């Protein structure tokens, strides 16, 4: 496992009391590939009434946990967490950038 911090793209839907994780992946390091991926994801997420977030972390799980901490603070809900319907398979640590 790498200890290098990198940017992750997290997509899902905020339900107001939790977050439904659809996918999380390392962001491409190439600026052009990153911009293309974010544009494509942005359209898909908008059409599905979801959201796209960027977090810096050493792992996908760490990135999602950071997002949940931020959403917990924003909502004021102490037990704001991943929804049971979240795609936990997306937390696999050995995924390549899109």
Protein backbone atom coordinates (compact mmCIF):
# COMPACT_ATOMS: atom_id res chain seq x y z
CA UNK A 1 0.00 0.00 0.00
CA UNK A 2 1.29 3.45 -0.91
CA UNK A 3 1.73 6.17 1.70
CA UNK A 4 1.77 8.86 -0.99
CA UNK A 5 -1.08 11.38 -0.83
CA UNK A 6 -3.03 11.68 -4.05
CA UNK A 7 -6.28 13.14 -5.27
CA UNK A 8 -9.40 10.98 -5.40
CA UNK A 9 -12.68 11.54 -7.21
CA UNK A 10 -15.71 10.52 -5.14
CA UNK A 11 -19.16 10.30 -6.70
CA UNK A 12 -22.46 9.58 -5.06
CA UNK A 13 -25.56 11.16 -3.64
CA UNK A 14 -26.09 13.14 -0.44
CA UNK A 15 -29.41 12.04 1.06
CA UNK A 16 -29.33 14.66 3.80
CA UNK A 17 -28.75 12.05 6.50
CA UNK A 18 -26.07 9.98 4.77
CA UNK A 19 -24.09 9.54 1.58
CA UNK A 20 -24.69 6.87 -1.04
CA UNK A 21 -21.27 6.07 -2.50
CA UNK A 22 -21.42 5.23 -6.18
CA UNK A 23 -17.71 5.21 -6.97
CA UNK A 24 -14.32 6.43 -5.80
CA UNK A 25 -11.19 6.40 -7.91
CA UNK A 26 -7.77 8.01 -8.07
CA UNK A 27 -7.90 11.16 -10.17
CA UNK A 28 -5.75 11.04 -13.28
CA UNK A 29 -2.47 12.90 -12.74
CA UNK A 30 -2.35 14.12 -16.34
CA UNK A 31 -4.19 17.48 -16.40
CA UNK A 32 -5.94 16.81 -19.71
CA UNK A 33 -7.10 13.33 -18.70
CA UNK A 34 -8.21 14.73 -15.33
CA UNK A 35 -10.27 17.49 -16.97
CA UNK A 36 -11.87 15.04 -19.41
CA UNK A 37 -12.72 12.59 -16.61
CA UNK A 38 -14.24 15.34 -14.45
CA UNK A 39 -16.30 16.66 -17.36
CA UNK A 40 -17.65 13.19 -18.16
CA UNK A 41 -18.34 12.42 -14.50
CA UNK A 42 -19.96 15.83 -14.00
CA UNK A 43 -22.51 15.20 -16.75
CA UNK A 44 -23.34 11.71 -15.49
CA UNK A 45 -23.61 12.84 -11.87
CA UNK A 46 -25.82 15.81 -12.74
CA UNK A 47 -28.18 13.58 -14.76
CA UNK A 48 -28.48 11.21 -11.77
CA UNK A 49 -28.97 13.98 -9.17
CA UNK A 50 -25.68 13.12 -7.53
CA UNK A 51 -22.51 14.95 -6.64
CA UNK A 52 -18.80 14.76 -7.37
CA UNK A 53 -16.19 15.53 -4.71
CA UNK A 54 -12.41 15.74 -4.73
CA UNK A 55 -10.36 14.69 -1.69
CA UNK A 56 -6.64 14.24 -1.06
CA UNK A 57 -5.70 11.09 0.84
CA UNK A 58 -3.40 8.06 0.75
CA UNK A 59 -6.25 5.59 0.09
CA UNK A 60 -9.75 5.55 -1.36
CA UNK A 61 -11.14 4.69 2.06
CA UNK A 62 -9.27 7.63 3.59
CA UNK A 63 -10.66 9.97 0.93
CA UNK A 64 -14.24 8.81 1.58
CA UNK A 65 -13.73 9.18 5.34
CA UNK A 66 -12.51 12.76 4.83
CA UNK A 67 -15.58 13.53 2.73
CA UNK A 68 -17.86 12.02 5.38
CA UNK A 69 -16.18 14.15 8.06
CA UNK A 70 -16.80 17.29 5.99
CA UNK A 71 -20.42 16.32 5.28
CA UNK A 72 -20.94 15.49 8.97
CA UNK A 73 -19.78 19.01 9.89
CA UNK A 74 -21.91 20.64 7.18
CA UNK A 75 -25.06 18.75 8.12
CA UNK A 76 -24.60 18.95 11.88
CA UNK A 77 -25.52 15.25 12.03
CA UNK A 78 -23.02 13.37 14.20
CA UNK A 79 -23.91 9.94 12.78
CA UNK A 80 -23.87 11.01 9.10
CA UNK A 81 -22.28 8.01 7.35
CA UNK A 82 -22.27 5.90 4.22
CA UNK A 83 -25.68 4.56 3.32
CA UNK A 84 -26.20 0.81 3.45
CA UNK A 85 -26.84 0.91 -0.31
CA UNK A 86 -23.36 2.32 -0.98
CA UNK A 87 -21.05 0.60 -3.43
CA UNK A 88 -18.43 -0.55 -0.93
CA UNK A 89 -16.66 -2.50 -3.68
CA UNK A 90 -15.50 0.92 -4.94
CA UNK A 91 -13.22 1.15 -1.90
CA UNK A 92 -10.82 -1.40 -3.39
CA UNK A 93 -7.39 0.16 -2.98
CA UNK A 94 -5.68 -1.15 -6.12
CA UNK A 95 -7.75 0.65 -8.74
CA UNK A 96 -6.10 2.62 -11.50
CA UNK A 97 -7.05 6.18 -12.52
CA UNK A 98 -9.92 6.33 -14.97
